[in-house]
């Protein structure tokens, strides 16, 4: 399925937001996610079903200044 992740097009097999994070190697409890502009809490990612053309934003804290 084709999705837009952080502004870039991706062809993925994942069917849920949790599976997408694993497929794209995002790890850690400090991630923030949004699906089509709506925040998705970590506890809801397993049940958050993705559809063709969805826009996902994944944010993670970074060290440095």
PDB file of N, CA and C in Angstrom:
ATOM      1  N   UNK A   1       0.848  -1.162   0.000  1.00  0.00           N
ATOM      2  CA  UNK A   1       0.000   0.000   0.000  1.00  0.00           C
ATOM      3  C   UNK A   1       0.896   1.229   0.000  1.00  0.00           C
ATOM      4  N   UNK A   2       0.442   2.279  -0.653  1.00  0.00           N
ATOM      5  CA  UNK A   2       1.224   3.508  -0.760  1.00  0.00           C
ATOM      6  C   UNK A   2       0.746   4.512   0.295  1.00  0.00           C
ATOM      7  N   UNK A   3       1.694   4.974   1.124  1.00  0.00           N
ATOM      8  CA  UNK A   3       1.427   5.940   2.179  1.00  0.00           C
ATOM      9  C   UNK A   3       2.417   7.091   2.077  1.00  0.00           C
ATOM     10  N   UNK A   4       2.076   8.202   2.691  1.00  0.00           N
ATOM     11  CA  UNK A   4       3.011   9.307   2.826  1.00  0.00           C
ATOM     12  C   UNK A   4       3.430   9.365   4.278  1.00  0.00           C
ATOM     13  N   UNK A   5       4.725   9.165   4.520  1.00  0.00           N
ATOM     14  CA  UNK A   5       5.263   9.162   5.877  1.00  0.00           C
ATOM     15  C   UNK A   5       6.262  10.304   5.995  1.00  0.00           C
ATOM     16  N   UNK A   6       5.970  11.228   6.884  1.00  0.00           N
ATOM     17  CA  UNK A   6       6.824  12.399   7.080  1.00  0.00           C
ATOM     18  C   UNK A   6       7.128  13.105   5.755  1.00  0.00           C
ATOM     19  N   UNK A   7       6.098  13.199   4.916  1.00  0.00           N
ATOM     20  CA  UNK A   7       6.223  13.922   3.654  1.00  0.00           C
ATOM     21  C   UNK A   7       6.821  13.142   2.503  1.00  0.00           C
ATOM     22  N   UNK A   8       7.194  11.885   2.733  1.00  0.00           N
ATOM     23  CA  UNK A   8       7.794  11.064   1.682  1.00  0.00           C
ATOM     24  C   UNK A   8       6.907   9.868   1.361  1.00  0.00           C
ATOM     25  N   UNK A   9       6.825   9.526   0.095  1.00  0.00           N
ATOM     26  CA  UNK A   9       6.025   8.392  -0.339  1.00  0.00           C
ATOM     27  C   UNK A   9       6.718   7.079   0.011  1.00  0.00           C
ATOM     28  N   UNK A  10       5.949   6.130   0.533  1.00  0.00           N
ATOM     29  CA  UNK A  10       6.470   4.804   0.893  1.00  0.00           C
ATOM     30  C   UNK A  10       5.490   3.746   0.422  1.00  0.00           C
ATOM     31  N   UNK A  11       6.016   2.650  -0.100  1.00  0.00           N
ATOM     32  CA  UNK A  11       5.221   1.473  -0.424  1.00  0.00           C
ATOM     33  C   UNK A  11       5.466   0.480   0.707  1.00  0.00           C
ATOM     34  N   UNK A  12       4.416   0.138   1.457  1.00  0.00           N
ATOM     35  CA  UNK A  12       4.578  -0.695   2.656  1.00  0.00           C
ATOM     36  C   UNK A  12       3.587  -1.843   2.661  1.00  0.00           C
ATOM     37  N   UNK A  13       3.876  -2.842   3.486  1.00  0.00           N
ATOM     38  CA  UNK A  13       2.988  -3.986   3.664  1.00  0.00           C
ATOM     39  C   UNK A  13       2.158  -3.848   4.933  1.00  0.00           C
ATOM     40  N   UNK A  14       2.551  -2.974   5.837  1.00  0.00           N
ATOM     41  CA  UNK A  14       1.901  -2.828   7.140  1.00  0.00           C
ATOM     42  C   UNK A  14       0.427  -2.475   7.000  1.00  0.00           C
ATOM     43  N   UNK A  15      -0.396  -3.059   7.881  1.00  0.00           N
ATOM     44  CA  UNK A  15      -1.818  -2.778   7.876  1.00  0.00           C
ATOM     45  C   UNK A  15      -2.274  -1.905   9.025  1.00  0.00           C
ATOM     46  N   UNK A  16      -1.398  -1.751  10.042  1.00  0.00           N
ATOM     47  CA  UNK A  16      -1.712  -0.908  11.193  1.00  0.00           C
ATOM     48  C   UNK A  16      -0.572   0.056  11.441  1.00  0.00           C
ATOM     49  N   UNK A  17      -0.846   1.068  12.229  1.00  0.00           N
ATOM     50  CA  UNK A  17       0.194   2.040  12.549  1.00  0.00           C
ATOM     51  C   UNK A  17       1.338   1.386  13.317  1.00  0.00           C
ATOM     52  N   UNK A  18       1.022   0.488  14.247  1.00  0.00           N
ATOM     53  CA  UNK A  18       2.072  -0.216  14.999  1.00  0.00           C
ATOM     54  C   UNK A  18       2.957  -1.035  14.066  1.00  0.00           C
ATOM     55  N   UNK A  19       2.346  -1.727  13.105  1.00  0.00           N
ATOM     56  CA  UNK A  19       3.112  -2.534  12.149  1.00  0.00           C
ATOM     57  C   UNK A  19       3.968  -1.644  11.253  1.00  0.00           C
ATOM     58  N   UNK A  20       3.453  -0.470  10.901  1.00  0.00           N
ATOM     59  CA  UNK A  20       4.225   0.468  10.081  1.00  0.00           C
ATOM     60  C   UNK A  20       5.469   0.931  10.824  1.00  0.00           C
ATOM     61  N   UNK A  21       5.324   1.267  12.093  1.00  0.00           N
ATOM     62  CA  UNK A  21       6.483   1.701  12.884  1.00  0.00           C
ATOM     63  C   UNK A  21       7.544   0.613  12.909  1.00  0.00           C
ATOM     64  N   UNK A  22       7.128  -0.638  13.082  1.00  0.00           N
ATOM     65  CA  UNK A  22       8.079  -1.760  13.093  1.00  0.00           C
ATOM     66  C   UNK A  22       8.719  -1.933  11.721  1.00  0.00           C
ATOM     67  N   UNK A  23       7.910  -1.848  10.664  1.00  0.00           N
ATOM     68  CA  UNK A  23       8.430  -2.030   9.297  1.00  0.00           C
ATOM     69  C   UNK A  23       9.464  -0.963   8.944  1.00  0.00           C
ATOM     70  N   UNK A  24       9.251   0.258   9.418  1.00  0.00           N
ATOM     71  CA  UNK A  24      10.173   1.355   9.118  1.00  0.00           C
ATOM     72  C   UNK A  24      11.261   1.532  10.177  1.00  0.00           C
ATOM     73  N   UNK A  25      11.344   0.590  11.111  1.00  0.00           N
ATOM     74  CA  UNK A  25      12.381   0.566  12.160  1.00  0.00           C
ATOM     75  C   UNK A  25      12.319   1.752  13.121  1.00  0.00           C
ATOM     76  N   UNK A  26      11.119   2.206  13.440  1.00  0.00           N
ATOM     77  CA  UNK A  26      10.956   3.220  14.481  1.00  0.00           C
ATOM     78  C   UNK A  26      10.734   2.487  15.793  1.00  0.00           C
ATOM     79  N   UNK A  27      11.534   2.830  16.808  1.00  0.00           N
ATOM     80  CA  UNK A  27      11.429   2.178  18.106  1.00  0.00           C
ATOM     81  C   UNK A  27      11.452   3.220  19.203  1.00  0.00           C
ATOM     82  N   UNK A  28      10.935   2.843  20.341  1.00  0.00           N
ATOM     83  CA  UNK A  28      11.026   3.704  21.511  1.00  0.00           C
ATOM     84  C   UNK A  28       9.681   4.236  21.958  1.00  0.00           C
ATOM     85  N   UNK A  29       9.611   4.520  23.238  1.00  0.00           N
ATOM     86  CA  UNK A  29       8.387   5.008  23.829  1.00  0.00           C
ATOM     87  C   UNK A  29       8.188   6.493  23.682  1.00  0.00           C
ATOM     88  N   UNK A  30       9.133   7.176  23.073  1.00  0.00           N
ATOM     89  CA  UNK A  30       9.046   8.628  22.978  1.00  0.00           C
ATOM     90  C   UNK A  30       8.524   9.105  21.632  1.00  0.00           C
ATOM     91  N   UNK A  31       8.007   8.209  20.828  1.00  0.00           N
ATOM     92  CA  UNK A  31       7.495   8.587  19.521  1.00  0.00           C
ATOM     93  C   UNK A  31       6.122   9.242  19.647  1.00  0.00           C
ATOM     94  N   UNK A  32       5.872  10.209  18.804  1.00  0.00           N
ATOM     95  CA  UNK A  32       4.546  10.792  18.659  1.00  0.00           C
ATOM     96  C   UNK A  32       4.091  10.502  17.239  1.00  0.00           C
ATOM     97  N   UNK A  33       2.832  10.110  17.078  1.00  0.00           N
ATOM     98  CA  UNK A  33       2.334   9.757  15.760  1.00  0.00           C
ATOM     99  C   UNK A  33       1.018  10.467  15.458  1.00  0.00           C
ATOM    100  N   UNK A  34       0.818  10.738  14.173  1.00  0.00           N
ATOM    101  CA  UNK A  34      -0.443  11.316  13.710  1.00  0.00           C
ATOM    102  C   UNK A  34      -0.827  10.648  12.401  1.00  0.00           C
ATOM    103  N   UNK A  35      -2.124  10.434  12.235  1.00  0.00           N
ATOM    104  CA  UNK A  35      -2.672   9.849  11.022  1.00  0.00           C
ATOM    105  C   UNK A  35      -3.633  10.859  10.420  1.00  0.00           C
ATOM    106  N   UNK A  36      -3.308  11.317   9.213  1.00  0.00           N
ATOM    107  CA  UNK A  36      -4.137  12.302   8.517  1.00  0.00           C
ATOM    108  C   UNK A  36      -4.443  13.522   9.396  1.00  0.00           C
ATOM    109  N   UNK A  37      -3.427  13.962  10.138  1.00  0.00           N
ATOM    110  CA  UNK A  37      -3.550  15.172  10.948  1.00  0.00           C
ATOM    111  C   UNK A  37      -4.118  14.972  12.336  1.00  0.00           C
ATOM    112  N   UNK A  38      -4.497  13.746  12.688  1.00  0.00           N
ATOM    113  CA  UNK A  38      -5.057  13.458  14.012  1.00  0.00           C
ATOM    114  C   UNK A  38      -4.048  12.651  14.828  1.00  0.00           C
ATOM    115  N   UNK A  39      -3.755  13.119  16.042  1.00  0.00           N
ATOM    116  CA  UNK A  39      -2.809  12.421  16.914  1.00  0.00           C
ATOM    117  C   UNK A  39      -3.342  11.030  17.248  1.00  0.00           C
ATOM    118  N   UNK A  40      -2.445  10.040  17.194  1.00  0.00           N
ATOM    119  CA  UNK A  40      -2.786   8.669  17.568  1.00  0.00           C
ATOM    120  C   UNK A  40      -1.942   8.299  18.783  1.00  0.00           C
ATOM    121  N   UNK A  41      -2.559   8.161  19.965  1.00  0.00           N
ATOM    122  CA  UNK A  41      -1.809   7.777  21.163  1.00  0.00           C
ATOM    123  C   UNK A  41      -1.178   6.390  21.003  1.00  0.00           C
ATOM    124  N   UNK A  42      -0.071   6.175  21.687  1.00  0.00           N
ATOM    125  CA  UNK A  42       0.667   4.907  21.588  1.00  0.00           C
ATOM    126  C   UNK A  42      -0.236   3.706  21.859  1.00  0.00           C
ATOM    127  N   UNK A  43      -1.124   3.810  22.816  1.00  0.00           N
ATOM    128  CA  UNK A  43      -1.977   2.674  23.183  1.00  0.00           C
ATOM    129  C   UNK A  43      -2.981   2.307  22.088  1.00  0.00           C
ATOM    130  N   UNK A  44      -3.187   3.185  21.105  1.00  0.00           N
ATOM    131  CA  UNK A  44      -4.158   2.936  20.043  1.00  0.00           C
ATOM    132  C   UNK A  44      -3.521   2.510  18.714  1.00  0.00           C
ATOM    133  N   UNK A  45      -2.200   2.450  18.660  1.00  0.00           N
ATOM    134  CA  UNK A  45      -1.520   2.165  17.391  1.00  0.00           C
ATOM    135  C   UNK A  45      -1.788   0.768  16.854  1.00  0.00           C
ATOM    136  N   UNK A  46      -1.924  -0.225  17.753  1.00  0.00           N
ATOM    137  CA  UNK A  46      -2.192  -1.599  17.298  1.00  0.00           C
ATOM    138  C   UNK A  46      -3.522  -1.701  16.568  1.00  0.00           C
ATOM    139  N   UNK A  47      -4.497  -0.917  16.975  1.00  0.00           N
ATOM    140  CA  UNK A  47      -5.818  -0.976  16.373  1.00  0.00           C
ATOM    141  C   UNK A  47      -6.060   0.081  15.317  1.00  0.00           C
ATOM    142  N   UNK A  48      -5.053   0.887  15.013  1.00  0.00           N
ATOM    143  CA  UNK A  48      -5.189   1.971  14.039  1.00  0.00           C
ATOM    144  C   UNK A  48      -4.901   1.421  12.645  1.00  0.00           C
ATOM    145  N   UNK A  49      -5.965   1.122  11.905  1.00  0.00           N
ATOM    146  CA  UNK A  49      -5.850   0.510  10.577  1.00  0.00           C
ATOM    147  C   UNK A  49      -5.522   1.580   9.543  1.00  0.00           C
ATOM    148  N   UNK A  50      -4.565   1.259   8.689  1.00  0.00           N
ATOM    149  CA  UNK A  50      -4.133   2.175   7.638  1.00  0.00           C
ATOM    150  C   UNK A  50      -4.860   1.890   6.330  1.00  0.00           C
ATOM    151  N   UNK A  51      -4.992   2.928   5.497  1.00  0.00           N
ATOM    152  CA  UNK A  51      -5.626   2.789   4.190  1.00  0.00           C
ATOM    153  C   UNK A  51      -4.750   3.457   3.132  1.00  0.00           C
ATOM    154  N   UNK A  52      -4.897   3.004   1.919  1.00  0.00           N
ATOM    155  CA  UNK A  52      -4.160   3.572   0.778  1.00  0.00           C
ATOM    156  C   UNK A  52      -4.263   5.100   0.799  1.00  0.00           C
ATOM    157  N   UNK A  53      -3.105   5.771   0.674  1.00  0.00           N
ATOM    158  CA  UNK A  53      -3.078   7.225   0.584  1.00  0.00           C
ATOM    159  C   UNK A  53      -3.035   7.959   1.915  1.00  0.00           C
ATOM    160  N   UNK A  54      -3.054   7.231   3.038  1.00  0.00           N
ATOM    161  CA  UNK A  54      -2.989   7.895   4.345  1.00  0.00           C
ATOM    162  C   UNK A  54      -1.696   8.688   4.493  1.00  0.00           C
ATOM    163  N   UNK A  55      -1.774   9.748   5.289  1.00  0.00           N
ATOM    164  CA  UNK A  55      -0.608  10.573   5.629  1.00  0.00           C
ATOM    165  C   UNK A  55      -0.263  10.341   7.091  1.00  0.00           C
ATOM    166  N   UNK A  56       0.963   9.906   7.339  1.00  0.00           N
ATOM    167  CA  UNK A  56       1.417   9.620   8.690  1.00  0.00           C
ATOM    168  C   UNK A  56       2.591  10.524   9.027  1.00  0.00           C
ATOM    169  N   UNK A  57       2.550  11.079  10.216  1.00  0.00           N
ATOM    170  CA  UNK A  57       3.682  11.846  10.747  1.00  0.00           C
ATOM    171  C   UNK A  57       4.217  11.089  11.950  1.00  0.00           C
ATOM    172  N   UNK A  58       5.536  10.910  11.992  1.00  0.00           N
ATOM    173  CA  UNK A  58       6.199  10.253  13.098  1.00  0.00           C
ATOM    174  C   UNK A  58       7.274  11.193  13.619  1.00  0.00           C
ATOM    175  N   UNK A  59       7.153  11.552  14.874  1.00  0.00           N
ATOM    176  CA  UNK A  59       8.097  12.483  15.476  1.00  0.00           C
ATOM    177  C   UNK A  59       8.832  11.807  16.620  1.00  0.00           C
ATOM    178  N   UNK A  60      10.123  12.043  16.691  1.00  0.00           N
ATOM    179  CA  UNK A  60      10.948  11.497  17.760  1.00  0.00           C
ATOM    180  C   UNK A  60      11.891  12.591  18.256  1.00  0.00           C
ATOM    181  N   UNK A  61      12.129  12.651  19.570  1.00  0.00           N
ATOM    182  CA  UNK A  61      13.062  13.655  20.088  1.00  0.00           C
ATOM    183  C   UNK A  61      14.475  13.373  19.592  1.00  0.00           C
ATOM    184  N   UNK A  62      15.237  14.469  19.438  1.00  0.00           N
ATOM    185  CA  UNK A  62      16.618  14.351  18.981  1.00  0.00           C
ATOM    186  C   UNK A  62      17.530  15.076  19.970  1.00  0.00           C
ATOM    187  N   UNK A  63      18.716  14.551  20.104  1.00  0.00           N
ATOM    188  CA  UNK A  63      19.711  15.203  20.949  1.00  0.00           C
ATOM    189  C   UNK A  63      20.421  16.267  20.145  1.00  0.00           C
ATOM    190  N   UNK A  64      20.944  17.244  20.833  1.00  0.00           N
ATOM    191  CA  UNK A  64      21.715  18.274  20.146  1.00  0.00           C
ATOM    192  C   UNK A  64      21.047  19.618  20.220  1.00  0.00           C
ATOM    193  N   UNK A  65      21.645  20.584  19.592  1.00  0.00           N
ATOM    194  CA  UNK A  65      21.108  21.945  19.687  1.00  0.00           C
ATOM    195  C   UNK A  65      20.908  22.595  18.421  1.00  0.00           C
TER     196      UNK A  65
END
